[in-house]
C-alpha cells in the first residue's frame, strides 16, 4: 500500500519530504542565542548573590567587632571606678562629662545622661 502512495506522489513531494532532516543554520543560531541570553542572566544573578553574601558577612563581622569594643569600654569604665551604669541611665551635673573627658562644654543647660553600654545580640534597653 505504501508503494501505491509513493507512486501517486510527485517526485518533488518525495524529495521535499526526504530533505527535511535536522535543524537549519538559522534555527541553530537562534537556539544558541537564546542559550547565551539565559546563561548570561543566570550568571548575573549569581554575581549579585555573591556580592550580597560578601556584604552581609562583612557587616556581621563589623557588628561583632563593635560589640567587643563596647564591652571593653564598659569594662574599662567600671574598672576605673566611675560606676558606669549597667541598667539605667545615670544623671550627672551639666557639663560633668565634658570636664572629665577634657572636651569643650555643650551649649545646653540640661543635665547630662550617661546611658548604659550593653553589648550583645538583640539587646534592647529602651524602656519607653
PDB file of N, CA and C in Angstrom:
ATOM      1  N   UNK A   1       0.817  -1.188   0.000  1.00  0.00           N
ATOM      2  CA  UNK A   1       0.000   0.000   0.000  1.00  0.00           C
ATOM      3  C   UNK A   1       0.870   1.265   0.000  1.00  0.00           C
ATOM      4  N   UNK A   2       1.991   1.219   0.716  1.00  0.00           N
ATOM      5  CA  UNK A   2       2.877   2.375   0.705  1.00  0.00           C
ATOM      6  C   UNK A   2       3.480   2.592  -0.673  1.00  0.00           C
ATOM      7  N   UNK A   3       3.629   1.506  -1.437  1.00  0.00           N
ATOM      8  CA  UNK A   3       4.137   1.668  -2.791  1.00  0.00           C
ATOM      9  C   UNK A   3       3.144   2.435  -3.644  1.00  0.00           C
ATOM     10  N   UNK A   4       1.851   2.195  -3.365  1.00  0.00           N
ATOM     11  CA  UNK A   4       0.830   2.907  -4.140  1.00  0.00           C
ATOM     12  C   UNK A   4       0.857   4.400  -3.810  1.00  0.00           C
ATOM     13  N   UNK A   5       1.069   4.756  -2.514  1.00  0.00           N
ATOM     14  CA  UNK A   5       1.128   6.162  -2.138  1.00  0.00           C
ATOM     15  C   UNK A   5       2.329   6.842  -2.771  1.00  0.00           C
ATOM     16  N   UNK A   6       3.453   6.136  -2.771  1.00  0.00           N
ATOM     17  CA  UNK A   6       4.649   6.717  -3.351  1.00  0.00           C
ATOM     18  C   UNK A   6       4.493   6.912  -4.862  1.00  0.00           C
ATOM     19  N   UNK A   7       3.739   6.030  -5.500  1.00  0.00           N
ATOM     20  CA  UNK A   7       3.547   6.164  -6.937  1.00  0.00           C
ATOM     21  C   UNK A   7       2.647   7.349  -7.269  1.00  0.00           C
ATOM     22  N   UNK A   8       1.684   7.637  -6.369  1.00  0.00           N
ATOM     23  CA  UNK A   8       0.759   8.735  -6.655  1.00  0.00           C
ATOM     24  C   UNK A   8       1.374  10.092  -6.342  1.00  0.00           C
ATOM     25  N   UNK A   9       2.375  10.154  -5.470  1.00  0.00           N
ATOM     26  CA  UNK A   9       3.004  11.436  -5.121  1.00  0.00           C
ATOM     27  C   UNK A   9       3.951  11.866  -6.226  1.00  0.00           C
ATOM     28  N   UNK A  10       4.105  13.155  -6.321  1.00  0.00           N
ATOM     29  CA  UNK A  10       5.016  13.681  -7.328  1.00  0.00           C
ATOM     30  C   UNK A  10       6.461  13.505  -6.844  1.00  0.00           C
ATOM     31  N   UNK A  11       7.424  13.461  -7.729  1.00  0.00           N
ATOM     32  CA  UNK A  11       8.825  13.298  -7.330  1.00  0.00           C
ATOM     33  C   UNK A  11       9.331  14.451  -6.474  1.00  0.00           C
ATOM     34  N   UNK A  12       8.829  15.672  -6.658  1.00  0.00           N
ATOM     35  CA  UNK A  12       9.278  16.802  -5.825  1.00  0.00           C
ATOM     36  C   UNK A  12       8.762  16.688  -4.398  1.00  0.00           C
ATOM     37  N   UNK A  13       7.535  16.145  -4.226  1.00  0.00           N
ATOM     38  CA  UNK A  13       6.989  15.964  -2.878  1.00  0.00           C
ATOM     39  C   UNK A  13       7.790  14.923  -2.130  1.00  0.00           C
ATOM     40  N   UNK A  14       8.189  13.858  -2.800  1.00  0.00           N
ATOM     41  CA  UNK A  14       9.002  12.830  -2.150  1.00  0.00           C
ATOM     42  C   UNK A  14      10.362  13.401  -1.811  1.00  0.00           C
ATOM     43  N   UNK A  15      10.974  14.166  -2.703  1.00  0.00           N
ATOM     44  CA  UNK A  15      12.273  14.763  -2.463  1.00  0.00           C
ATOM     45  C   UNK A  15      12.204  15.777  -1.311  1.00  0.00           C
ATOM     46  N   UNK A  16      11.126  16.586  -1.267  1.00  0.00           N
ATOM     47  CA  UNK A  16      10.961  17.586  -0.211  1.00  0.00           C
ATOM     48  C   UNK A  16      10.838  16.909   1.154  1.00  0.00           C
ATOM     49  N   UNK A  17      10.081  15.815   1.220  1.00  0.00           N
ATOM     50  CA  UNK A  17       9.894  15.102   2.474  1.00  0.00           C
ATOM     51  C   UNK A  17      11.192  14.453   2.924  1.00  0.00           C
ATOM     52  N   UNK A  18      11.977  13.933   2.039  1.00  0.00           N
ATOM     53  CA  UNK A  18      13.212  13.253   2.415  1.00  0.00           C
ATOM     54  C   UNK A  18      14.310  14.251   2.790  1.00  0.00           C
ATOM     55  N   UNK A  19      14.228  15.504   2.339  1.00  0.00           N
ATOM     56  CA  UNK A  19      15.227  16.522   2.671  1.00  0.00           C
ATOM     57  C   UNK A  19      14.997  17.165   4.030  1.00  0.00           C
ATOM     58  N   UNK A  20      13.905  16.923   4.699  1.00  0.00           N
ATOM     59  CA  UNK A  20      13.596  17.583   5.972  1.00  0.00           C
ATOM     60  C   UNK A  20      14.161  16.768   7.130  1.00  0.00           C
ATOM     61  N   UNK A  21      15.467  16.862   7.308  1.00  0.00           N
ATOM     62  CA  UNK A  21      16.141  16.193   8.414  1.00  0.00           C
ATOM     63  C   UNK A  21      16.971  17.235   9.164  1.00  0.00           C
ATOM     64  N   UNK A  22      16.955  17.193  10.536  1.00  0.00           N
ATOM     65  CA  UNK A  22      17.817  18.060  11.331  1.00  0.00           C
ATOM     66  C   UNK A  22      17.348  19.497  11.385  1.00  0.00           C
ATOM     67  N   UNK A  23      18.285  20.354  11.849  1.00  0.00           N
ATOM     68  CA  UNK A  23      17.993  21.772  12.023  1.00  0.00           C
ATOM     69  C   UNK A  23      18.639  22.571  10.905  1.00  0.00           C
ATOM     70  N   UNK A  24      18.043  23.712  10.636  1.00  0.00           N
ATOM     71  CA  UNK A  24      18.676  24.630   9.696  1.00  0.00           C
ATOM     72  C   UNK A  24      19.691  25.474  10.453  1.00  0.00           C
ATOM     73  N   UNK A  25      20.537  26.152   9.739  1.00  0.00           N
ATOM     74  CA  UNK A  25      21.552  27.004  10.358  1.00  0.00           C
ATOM     75  C   UNK A  25      20.904  28.130  11.159  1.00  0.00           C
ATOM     76  N   UNK A  26      19.811  28.682  10.680  1.00  0.00           N
ATOM     77  CA  UNK A  26      19.119  29.778  11.382  1.00  0.00           C
ATOM     78  C   UNK A  26      18.525  29.265  12.693  1.00  0.00           C
ATOM     79  N   UNK A  27      17.925  28.103  12.664  1.00  0.00           N
ATOM     80  CA  UNK A  27      17.366  27.535  13.907  1.00  0.00           C
ATOM     81  C   UNK A  27      18.462  27.287  14.934  1.00  0.00           C
ATOM     82  N   UNK A  28      19.589  26.801  14.487  1.00  0.00           N
ATOM     83  CA  UNK A  28      20.705  26.547  15.398  1.00  0.00           C
ATOM     84  C   UNK A  28      21.234  27.856  15.986  1.00  0.00           C
ATOM     85  N   UNK A  29      21.362  28.898  15.169  1.00  0.00           N
ATOM     86  CA  UNK A  29      21.845  30.190  15.662  1.00  0.00           C
ATOM     87  C   UNK A  29      20.876  30.801  16.663  1.00  0.00           C
ATOM     88  N   UNK A  30      19.571  30.682  16.408  1.00  0.00           N
ATOM     89  CA  UNK A  30      18.565  31.211  17.337  1.00  0.00           C
ATOM     90  C   UNK A  30      18.635  30.461  18.659  1.00  0.00           C
ATOM     91  N   UNK A  31      18.786  29.157  18.609  1.00  0.00           N
ATOM     92  CA  UNK A  31      18.850  28.385  19.854  1.00  0.00           C
ATOM     93  C   UNK A  31      20.118  28.715  20.636  1.00  0.00           C
ATOM     94  N   UNK A  32      21.240  28.916  19.954  1.00  0.00           N
ATOM     95  CA  UNK A  32      22.479  29.303  20.650  1.00  0.00           C
ATOM     96  C   UNK A  32      22.323  30.686  21.272  1.00  0.00           C
ATOM     97  N   UNK A  33      21.696  31.607  20.561  1.00  0.00           N
ATOM     98  CA  UNK A  33      21.470  32.952  21.094  1.00  0.00           C
ATOM     99  C   UNK A  33      20.593  32.907  22.346  1.00  0.00           C
ATOM    100  N   UNK A  34      19.526  32.138  22.309  1.00  0.00           N
ATOM    101  CA  UNK A  34      18.658  32.005  23.485  1.00  0.00           C
ATOM    102  C   UNK A  34      19.417  31.381  24.655  1.00  0.00           C
ATOM    103  N   UNK A  35      20.233  30.384  24.380  1.00  0.00           N
ATOM    104  CA  UNK A  35      21.024  29.752  25.434  1.00  0.00           C
ATOM    105  C   UNK A  35      21.987  30.755  26.059  1.00  0.00           C
ATOM    106  N   UNK A  36      22.635  31.582  25.237  1.00  0.00           N
ATOM    107  CA  UNK A  36      23.556  32.581  25.766  1.00  0.00           C
ATOM    108  C   UNK A  36      22.834  33.633  26.603  1.00  0.00           C
ATOM    109  N   UNK A  37      21.640  34.035  26.199  1.00  0.00           N
ATOM    110  CA  UNK A  37      20.875  35.019  26.971  1.00  0.00           C
ATOM    111  C   UNK A  37      20.500  34.453  28.332  1.00  0.00           C
ATOM    112  N   UNK A  38      20.015  33.229  28.362  1.00  0.00           N
ATOM    113  CA  UNK A  38      19.624  32.603  29.636  1.00  0.00           C
ATOM    114  C   UNK A  38      20.854  32.394  30.520  1.00  0.00           C
ATOM    115  N   UNK A  39      21.949  31.940  29.947  1.00  0.00           N
ATOM    116  CA  UNK A  39      23.170  31.724  30.726  1.00  0.00           C
ATOM    117  C   UNK A  39      23.694  33.049  31.289  1.00  0.00           C
ATOM    118  N   UNK A  40      23.645  34.097  30.504  1.00  0.00           N
ATOM    119  CA  UNK A  40      24.086  35.409  30.990  1.00  0.00           C
ATOM    120  C   UNK A  40      23.227  35.922  32.133  1.00  0.00           C
ATOM    121  N   UNK A  41      21.923  35.700  32.047  1.00  0.00           N
ATOM    122  CA  UNK A  41      21.020  36.133  33.128  1.00  0.00           C
ATOM    123  C   UNK A  41      21.311  35.364  34.416  1.00  0.00           C
ATOM    124  N   UNK A  42      21.531  34.073  34.308  1.00  0.00           N
ATOM    125  CA  UNK A  42      21.844  33.266  35.497  1.00  0.00           C
ATOM    126  C   UNK A  42      23.176  33.710  36.093  1.00  0.00           C
ATOM    127  N   UNK A  43      24.163  33.972  35.248  1.00  0.00           N
ATOM    128  CA  UNK A  43      25.454  34.432  35.737  1.00  0.00           C
ATOM    129  C   UNK A  43      25.321  35.783  36.446  1.00  0.00           C
ATOM    130  N   UNK A  44      24.518  36.678  35.891  1.00  0.00           N
ATOM    131  CA  UNK A  44      24.293  37.976  36.538  1.00  0.00           C
ATOM    132  C   UNK A  44      23.670  37.825  37.912  1.00  0.00           C
ATOM    133  N   UNK A  45      22.708  36.925  38.045  1.00  0.00           N
ATOM    134  CA  UNK A  45      22.102  36.685  39.361  1.00  0.00           C
ATOM    135  C   UNK A  45      23.115  36.112  40.342  1.00  0.00           C
ATOM    136  N   UNK A  46      23.976  35.237  39.880  1.00  0.00           N
ATOM    137  CA  UNK A  46      24.993  34.662  40.764  1.00  0.00           C
ATOM    138  C   UNK A  46      25.986  35.725  41.242  1.00  0.00           C
ATOM    139  N   UNK A  47      26.339  36.654  40.380  1.00  0.00           N
ATOM    140  CA  UNK A  47      27.254  37.729  40.768  1.00  0.00           C
ATOM    141  C   UNK A  47      26.611  38.607  41.837  1.00  0.00           C
ATOM    142  N   UNK A  48      25.348  38.955  41.647  1.00  0.00           N
ATOM    143  CA  UNK A  48      24.641  39.780  42.637  1.00  0.00           C
ATOM    144  C   UNK A  48      24.534  39.043  43.973  1.00  0.00           C
ATOM    145  N   UNK A  49      24.226  37.772  43.936  1.00  0.00           N
ATOM    146  CA  UNK A  49      24.103  36.989  45.174  1.00  0.00           C
ATOM    147  C   UNK A  49      25.441  36.900  45.894  1.00  0.00           C
ATOM    148  N   UNK A  50      26.532  36.756  45.157  1.00  0.00           N
ATOM    149  CA  UNK A  50      27.853  36.663  45.787  1.00  0.00           C
ATOM    150  C   UNK A  50      28.221  37.988  46.452  1.00  0.00           C
ATOM    151  N   UNK A  51      27.942  39.102  45.783  1.00  0.00           N
ATOM    152  CA  UNK A  51      28.226  40.408  46.381  1.00  0.00           C
ATOM    153  C   UNK A  51      27.398  40.631  47.641  1.00  0.00           C
ATOM    154  N   UNK A  52      26.146  40.229  47.599  1.00  0.00           N
ATOM    155  CA  UNK A  52      25.272  40.380  48.758  1.00  0.00           C
ATOM    156  C   UNK A  52      25.773  39.541  49.929  1.00  0.00           C
ATOM    157  N   UNK A  53      26.206  38.321  49.643  1.00  0.00           N
ATOM    158  CA  UNK A  53      26.717  37.453  50.711  1.00  0.00           C
ATOM    159  C   UNK A  53      27.976  38.045  51.320  1.00  0.00           C
ATOM    160  N   UNK A  54      28.862  38.598  50.490  1.00  0.00           N
ATOM    161  CA  UNK A  54      30.090  39.205  50.985  1.00  0.00           C
ATOM    162  C   UNK A  54      29.781  40.419  51.856  1.00  0.00           C
ATOM    163  N   UNK A  55      28.850  41.261  51.404  1.00  0.00           N
ATOM    164  CA  UNK A  55      28.476  42.447  52.180  1.00  0.00           C
ATOM    165  C   UNK A  55      27.871  42.060  53.523  1.00  0.00           C
ATOM    166  N   UNK A  56      26.995  41.063  53.517  1.00  0.00           N
ATOM    167  CA  UNK A  56      26.373  40.615  54.760  1.00  0.00           C
ATOM    168  C   UNK A  56      27.407  40.046  55.719  1.00  0.00           C
ATOM    169  N   UNK A  57      28.337  39.295  55.202  1.00  0.00           N
ATOM    170  CA  UNK A  57      29.392  38.727  56.036  1.00  0.00           C
ATOM    171  C   UNK A  57      30.262  39.824  56.650  1.00  0.00           C
ATOM    172  N   UNK A  58      30.588  40.838  55.857  1.00  0.00           N
ATOM    173  CA  UNK A  58      31.391  41.946  56.378  1.00  0.00           C
ATOM    174  C   UNK A  58      30.630  42.732  57.441  1.00  0.00           C
ATOM    175  N   UNK A  59      29.334  42.945  57.222  1.00  0.00           N
ATOM    176  CA  UNK A  59      28.534  43.660  58.227  1.00  0.00           C
ATOM    177  C   UNK A  59      28.447  42.873  59.527  1.00  0.00           C
ATOM    178  N   UNK A  60      28.273  41.574  59.434  1.00  0.00           N
ATOM    179  CA  UNK A  60      28.202  40.751  60.645  1.00  0.00           C
ATOM    180  C   UNK A  60      29.521  40.817  61.407  1.00  0.00           C
ATOM    181  N   UNK A  61      30.634  40.777  60.690  1.00  0.00           N
ATOM    182  CA  UNK A  61      31.941  40.872  61.336  1.00  0.00           C
ATOM    183  C   UNK A  61      32.128  42.242  61.990  1.00  0.00           C
ATOM    184  N   UNK A  62      31.670  43.301  61.326  1.00  0.00           N
ATOM    185  CA  UNK A  62      31.759  44.642  61.884  1.00  0.00           C
ATOM    186  C   UNK A  62      30.926  44.763  63.157  1.00  0.00           C
ATOM    187  N   UNK A  63      29.703  44.224  63.133  1.00  0.00           N
ATOM    188  CA  UNK A  63      28.849  44.285  64.326  1.00  0.00           C
ATOM    189  C   UNK A  63      29.477  43.514  65.484  1.00  0.00           C
ATOM    190  N   UNK A  64      30.096  42.405  65.181  1.00  0.00           N
ATOM    191  CA  UNK A  64      30.768  41.630  66.227  1.00  0.00           C
ATOM    192  C   UNK A  64      31.911  42.445  66.824  1.00  0.00           C
ATOM    193  N   UNK A  65      32.678  43.112  65.982  1.00  0.00           N
ATOM    194  CA  UNK A  65      33.787  43.934  66.476  1.00  0.00           C
ATOM    195  C   UNK A  65      33.278  45.099  67.322  1.00  0.00           C
ATOM    196  N   UNK A  66      32.161  45.695  66.906  1.00  0.00           N
ATOM    197  CA  UNK A  66      31.592  46.800  67.681  1.00  0.00           C
ATOM    198  C   UNK A  66      31.130  46.312  69.050  1.00  0.00           C
ATOM    199  N   UNK A  67      30.496  45.143  69.100  1.00  0.00           N
ATOM    200  CA  UNK A  67      30.067  44.598  70.390  1.00  0.00           C
ATOM    201  C   UNK A  67      31.253  44.355  71.316  1.00  0.00           C
ATOM    202  N   UNK A  68      32.338  43.815  70.767  1.00  0.00           N
ATOM    203  CA  UNK A  68      33.534  43.576  71.576  1.00  0.00           C
ATOM    204  C   UNK A  68      34.105  44.900  72.080  1.00  0.00           C
ATOM    205  N   UNK A  69      34.141  45.919  71.205  1.00  0.00           N
ATOM    206  CA  UNK A  69      34.665  47.222  71.615  1.00  0.00           C
ATOM    207  C   UNK A  69      33.800  47.857  72.702  1.00  0.00           C
ATOM    208  N   UNK A  70      32.481  47.789  72.559  1.00  0.00           N
ATOM    209  CA  UNK A  70      31.596  48.349  73.585  1.00  0.00           C
ATOM    210  C   UNK A  70      31.744  47.615  74.911  1.00  0.00           C
ATOM    211  N   UNK A  71      31.911  46.321  74.842  1.00  0.00           N
ATOM    212  CA  UNK A  71      32.138  45.558  76.072  1.00  0.00           C
ATOM    213  C   UNK A  71      33.436  45.992  76.747  1.00  0.00           C
ATOM    214  N   UNK A  72      34.470  46.231  75.954  1.00  0.00           N
ATOM    215  CA  UNK A  72      35.747  46.669  76.518  1.00  0.00           C
ATOM    216  C   UNK A  72      35.623  48.061  77.141  1.00  0.00           C
ATOM    217  N   UNK A  73      34.903  48.967  76.463  1.00  0.00           N
ATOM    218  CA  UNK A  73      34.708  50.313  77.017  1.00  0.00           C
ATOM    219  C   UNK A  73      33.947  50.235  78.330  1.00  0.00           C
ATOM    220  N   UNK A  74      32.909  49.417  78.382  1.00  0.00           N
ATOM    221  CA  UNK A  74      32.135  49.281  79.610  1.00  0.00           C
ATOM    222  C   UNK A  74      32.993  48.716  80.731  1.00  0.00           C
ATOM    223  N   UNK A  75      33.754  47.685  80.420  1.00  0.00           N
ATOM    224  CA  UNK A  75      34.604  47.073  81.445  1.00  0.00           C
ATOM    225  C   UNK A  75      35.658  48.056  81.938  1.00  0.00           C
ATOM    226  N   UNK A  76      36.257  48.814  81.005  1.00  0.00           N
ATOM    227  CA  UNK A  76      37.261  49.804  81.410  1.00  0.00           C
ATOM    228  C   UNK A  76      36.644  50.900  82.274  1.00  0.00           C
ATOM    229  N   UNK A  77      35.448  51.352  81.909  1.00  0.00           N
ATOM    230  CA  UNK A  77      34.800  52.398  82.705  1.00  0.00           C
ATOM    231  C   UNK A  77      34.453  51.880  84.098  1.00  0.00           C
ATOM    232  N   UNK A  78      34.016  50.644  84.203  1.00  0.00           N
ATOM    233  CA  UNK A  78      33.722  50.080  85.523  1.00  0.00           C
ATOM    234  C   UNK A  78      34.993  49.903  86.342  1.00  0.00           C
ATOM    235  N   UNK A  79      36.066  49.492  85.687  1.00  0.00           N
ATOM    236  CA  UNK A  79      37.325  49.274  86.402  1.00  0.00           C
ATOM    237  C   UNK A  79      37.968  50.571  86.859  1.00  0.00           C
ATOM    238  N   UNK A  80      37.652  51.683  86.206  1.00  0.00           N
ATOM    239  CA  UNK A  80      38.202  52.971  86.604  1.00  0.00           C
ATOM    240  C   UNK A  80      37.591  53.426  87.920  1.00  0.00           C
ATOM    241  N   UNK A  81      36.408  52.925  88.243  1.00  0.00           N
ATOM    242  CA  UNK A  81      35.751  53.325  89.475  1.00  0.00           C
ATOM    243  C   UNK A  81      34.738  54.415  89.266  1.00  0.00           C
ATOM    244  N   UNK A  82      34.387  54.701  88.038  1.00  0.00           N
ATOM    245  CA  UNK A  82      33.436  55.757  87.751  1.00  0.00           C
ATOM    246  C   UNK A  82      32.007  55.293  87.967  1.00  0.00           C
ATOM    247  N   UNK A  83      31.787  54.039  88.240  1.00  0.00           N
ATOM    248  CA  UNK A  83      30.463  53.442  88.427  1.00  0.00           C
ATOM    249  C   UNK A  83      29.609  53.640  87.171  1.00  0.00           C
ATOM    250  N   UNK A  84      30.126  53.198  86.069  1.00  0.00           N
ATOM    251  CA  UNK A  84      29.400  53.311  84.803  1.00  0.00           C
ATOM    252  C   UNK A  84      28.114  52.514  84.907  1.00  0.00           C
ATOM    253  N   UNK A  85      26.983  53.070  84.502  1.00  0.00           N
ATOM    254  CA  UNK A  85      25.703  52.381  84.683  1.00  0.00           C
ATOM    255  C   UNK A  85      25.590  51.142  83.791  1.00  0.00           C
ATOM    256  N   UNK A  86      24.923  50.125  84.319  1.00  0.00           N
ATOM    257  CA  UNK A  86      24.727  48.905  83.528  1.00  0.00           C
ATOM    258  C   UNK A  86      23.264  48.672  83.200  1.00  0.00           C
ATOM    259  N   UNK A  87      22.339  49.348  83.888  1.00  0.00           N
ATOM    260  CA  UNK A  87      20.920  49.120  83.601  1.00  0.00           C
ATOM    261  C   UNK A  87      20.182  50.402  83.254  1.00  0.00           C
ATOM    262  N   UNK A  88      20.286  51.458  84.048  1.00  0.00           N
ATOM    263  CA  UNK A  88      19.550  52.703  83.823  1.00  0.00           C
ATOM    264  C   UNK A  88      20.522  53.848  83.575  1.00  0.00           C
ATOM    265  N   UNK A  89      20.105  54.832  82.795  1.00  0.00           N
ATOM    266  CA  UNK A  89      20.992  55.987  82.580  1.00  0.00           C
ATOM    267  C   UNK A  89      21.247  56.729  83.885  1.00  0.00           C
ATOM    268  N   UNK A  90      22.440  57.225  84.034  1.00  0.00           N
ATOM    269  CA  UNK A  90      22.817  57.984  85.213  1.00  0.00           C
ATOM    270  C   UNK A  90      22.805  59.467  84.854  1.00  0.00           C
ATOM    271  N   UNK A  91      22.199  60.287  85.738  1.00  0.00           N
ATOM    272  CA  UNK A  91      22.187  61.731  85.508  1.00  0.00           C
ATOM    273  C   UNK A  91      23.379  62.352  86.208  1.00  0.00           C
ATOM    274  N   UNK A  92      24.059  63.200  85.479  1.00  0.00           N
ATOM    275  CA  UNK A  92      25.215  63.916  86.019  1.00  0.00           C
ATOM    276  C   UNK A  92      24.945  65.404  85.978  1.00  0.00           C
ATOM    277  N   UNK A  93      25.657  66.176  86.768  1.00  0.00           N
ATOM    278  CA  UNK A  93      25.526  67.633  86.661  1.00  0.00           C
ATOM    279  C   UNK A  93      25.904  68.076  85.242  1.00  0.00           C
ATOM    280  N   UNK A  94      25.375  69.217  84.841  1.00  0.00           N
ATOM    281  CA  UNK A  94      25.626  69.714  83.496  1.00  0.00           C
ATOM    282  C   UNK A  94      27.124  69.888  83.259  1.00  0.00           C
ATOM    283  N   UNK A  95      27.578  69.434  82.103  1.00  0.00           N
ATOM    284  CA  UNK A  95      28.962  69.532  81.641  1.00  0.00           C
ATOM    285  C   UNK A  95      29.959  68.711  82.461  1.00  0.00           C
ATOM    286  N   UNK A  96      29.487  67.814  83.312  1.00  0.00           N
ATOM    287  CA  UNK A  96      30.411  66.980  84.095  1.00  0.00           C
ATOM    288  C   UNK A  96      31.191  66.030  83.177  1.00  0.00           C
ATOM    289  N   UNK A  97      30.498  65.433  82.222  1.00  0.00           N
ATOM    290  CA  UNK A  97      31.190  64.524  81.304  1.00  0.00           C
ATOM    291  C   UNK A  97      32.242  65.253  80.486  1.00  0.00           C
ATOM    292  N   UNK A  98      31.919  66.437  80.046  1.00  0.00           N
ATOM    293  CA  UNK A  98      32.860  67.182  79.221  1.00  0.00           C
ATOM    294  C   UNK A  98      34.096  67.567  80.020  1.00  0.00           C
ATOM    295  N   UNK A  99      33.901  67.861  81.317  1.00  0.00           N
ATOM    296  CA  UNK A  99      35.037  68.178  82.179  1.00  0.00           C
ATOM    297  C   UNK A  99      35.894  66.942  82.390  1.00  0.00           C
ATOM    298  N   UNK A 100      35.247  65.793  82.641  1.00  0.00           N
ATOM    299  CA  UNK A 100      36.001  64.556  82.866  1.00  0.00           C
ATOM    300  C   UNK A 100      36.758  64.117  81.619  1.00  0.00           C
ATOM    301  N   UNK A 101      36.155  64.309  80.473  1.00  0.00           N
ATOM    302  CA  UNK A 101      36.776  63.851  79.229  1.00  0.00           C
ATOM    303  C   UNK A 101      37.690  64.898  78.598  1.00  0.00           C
ATOM    304  N   UNK A 102      37.653  66.125  79.108  1.00  0.00           N
ATOM    305  CA  UNK A 102      38.535  67.173  78.609  1.00  0.00           C
ATOM    306  C   UNK A 102      38.151  67.716  77.248  1.00  0.00           C
ATOM    307  N   UNK A 103      36.856  67.804  76.991  1.00  0.00           N
ATOM    308  CA  UNK A 103      36.396  68.365  75.725  1.00  0.00           C
ATOM    309  C   UNK A 103      35.573  69.616  76.017  1.00  0.00           C
ATOM    310  N   UNK A 104      35.335  70.464  75.021  1.00  0.00           N
ATOM    311  CA  UNK A 104      34.569  71.697  75.279  1.00  0.00           C
ATOM    312  C   UNK A 104      33.152  71.391  75.768  1.00  0.00           C
ATOM    313  N   UNK A 105      32.622  72.305  76.578  1.00  0.00           N
ATOM    314  CA  UNK A 105      31.285  72.147  77.150  1.00  0.00           C
ATOM    315  C   UNK A 105      30.215  72.240  76.069  1.00  0.00           C
ATOM    316  N   UNK A 106      29.072  71.614  76.372  1.00  0.00           N
ATOM    317  CA  UNK A 106      27.944  71.728  75.446  1.00  0.00           C
ATOM    318  C   UNK A 106      27.198  73.021  75.727  1.00  0.00           C
ATOM    319  N   UNK A 107      26.328  73.416  74.798  1.00  0.00           N
ATOM    320  CA  UNK A 107      25.677  74.724  74.919  1.00  0.00           C
ATOM    321  C   UNK A 107      24.357  74.658  75.686  1.00  0.00           C
ATOM    322  N   UNK A 108      23.786  73.469  75.865  1.00  0.00           N
ATOM    323  CA  UNK A 108      22.508  73.407  76.575  1.00  0.00           C
ATOM    324  C   UNK A 108      22.752  73.403  78.086  1.00  0.00           C
ATOM    325  N   UNK A 109      21.690  73.609  78.846  1.00  0.00           N
ATOM    326  CA  UNK A 109      21.826  73.676  80.307  1.00  0.00           C
ATOM    327  C   UNK A 109      21.162  72.492  80.997  1.00  0.00           C
ATOM    328  N   UNK A 110      20.778  71.474  80.231  1.00  0.00           N
ATOM    329  CA  UNK A 110      20.170  70.298  80.844  1.00  0.00           C
ATOM    330  C   UNK A 110      21.261  69.389  81.387  1.00  0.00           C
ATOM    331  N   UNK A 111      20.855  68.571  82.316  1.00  0.00           N
ATOM    332  CA  UNK A 111      21.818  67.644  82.904  1.00  0.00           C
ATOM    333  C   UNK A 111      22.224  66.594  81.882  1.00  0.00           C
ATOM    334  N   UNK A 112      23.425  66.109  82.013  1.00  0.00           N
ATOM    335  CA  UNK A 112      23.945  65.109  81.087  1.00  0.00           C
ATOM    336  C   UNK A 112      23.538  63.710  81.549  1.00  0.00           C
ATOM    337  N   UNK A 113      23.231  62.875  80.563  1.00  0.00           N
ATOM    338  CA  UNK A 113      22.890  61.479  80.845  1.00  0.00           C
ATOM    339  C   UNK A 113      24.017  60.578  80.370  1.00  0.00           C
ATOM    340  N   UNK A 114      24.330  59.593  81.186  1.00  0.00           N
ATOM    341  CA  UNK A 114      25.285  58.572  80.782  1.00  0.00           C
ATOM    342  C   UNK A 114      24.479  57.304  80.552  1.00  0.00           C
ATOM    343  N   UNK A 115      24.234  56.938  79.292  1.00  0.00           N
ATOM    344  CA  UNK A 115      23.441  55.737  79.030  1.00  0.00           C
ATOM    345  C   UNK A 115      24.258  54.475  79.291  1.00  0.00           C
ATOM    346  N   UNK A 116      23.586  53.382  79.609  1.00  0.00           N
ATOM    347  CA  UNK A 116      24.321  52.135  79.821  1.00  0.00           C
ATOM    348  C   UNK A 116      24.860  51.591  78.505  1.00  0.00           C
ATOM    349  N   UNK A 117      25.944  50.884  78.602  1.00  0.00           N
ATOM    350  CA  UNK A 117      26.522  50.227  77.438  1.00  0.00           C
ATOM    351  C   UNK A 117      26.208  48.746  77.556  1.00  0.00           C
ATOM    352  N   UNK A 118      25.435  48.254  76.617  1.00  0.00           N
ATOM    353  CA  UNK A 118      25.060  46.841  76.617  1.00  0.00           C
ATOM    354  C   UNK A 118      25.511  46.241  75.308  1.00  0.00           C
ATOM    355  N   UNK A 119      26.426  45.337  75.350  1.00  0.00           N
ATOM    356  CA  UNK A 119      26.880  44.679  74.126  1.00  0.00           C
ATOM    357  C   UNK A 119      26.261  43.295  74.069  1.00  0.00           C
ATOM    358  N   UNK A 120      25.738  42.959  72.940  1.00  0.00           N
ATOM    359  CA  UNK A 120      25.140  41.639  72.757  1.00  0.00           C
ATOM    360  C   UNK A 120      24.209  41.644  71.560  1.00  0.00           C
ATOM    361  N   UNK A 121      23.739  40.486  71.238  1.00  0.00           N
ATOM    362  CA  UNK A 121      22.864  40.336  70.078  1.00  0.00           C
ATOM    363  C   UNK A 121      21.430  40.611  70.498  1.00  0.00           C
ATOM    364  N   UNK A 122      20.762  41.538  69.817  1.00  0.00           N
ATOM    365  CA  UNK A 122      19.363  41.901  70.053  1.00  0.00           C
ATOM    366  C   UNK A 122      19.102  42.377  71.486  1.00  0.00           C
ATOM    367  N   UNK A 123      20.009  43.160  72.046  1.00  0.00           N
ATOM    368  CA  UNK A 123      19.820  43.715  73.381  1.00  0.00           C
ATOM    369  C   UNK A 123      19.080  45.035  73.230  1.00  0.00           C
ATOM    370  N   UNK A 124      17.976  45.201  73.958  1.00  0.00           N
ATOM    371  CA  UNK A 124      17.202  46.430  73.899  1.00  0.00           C
ATOM    372  C   UNK A 124      16.976  46.916  75.311  1.00  0.00           C
ATOM    373  N   UNK A 125      17.541  48.067  75.632  1.00  0.00           N
ATOM    374  CA  UNK A 125      17.374  48.624  76.985  1.00  0.00           C
ATOM    375  C   UNK A 125      16.419  49.801  76.978  1.00  0.00           C
ATOM    376  N   UNK A 126      15.717  50.027  75.872  1.00  0.00           N
ATOM    377  CA  UNK A 126      14.797  51.138  75.774  1.00  0.00           C
ATOM    378  C   UNK A 126      13.543  50.807  76.581  1.00  0.00           C
ATOM    379  N   UNK A 127      13.279  51.603  77.603  1.00  0.00           N
ATOM    380  CA  UNK A 127      12.112  51.352  78.452  1.00  0.00           C
ATOM    381  C   UNK A 127      10.956  52.294  78.153  1.00  0.00           C
ATOM    382  N   UNK A 128      11.040  53.016  77.047  1.00  0.00           N
ATOM    383  CA  UNK A 128       9.968  53.958  76.702  1.00  0.00           C
ATOM    384  C   UNK A 128       8.781  53.229  76.126  1.00  0.00           C
TER     385      UNK A 128
END
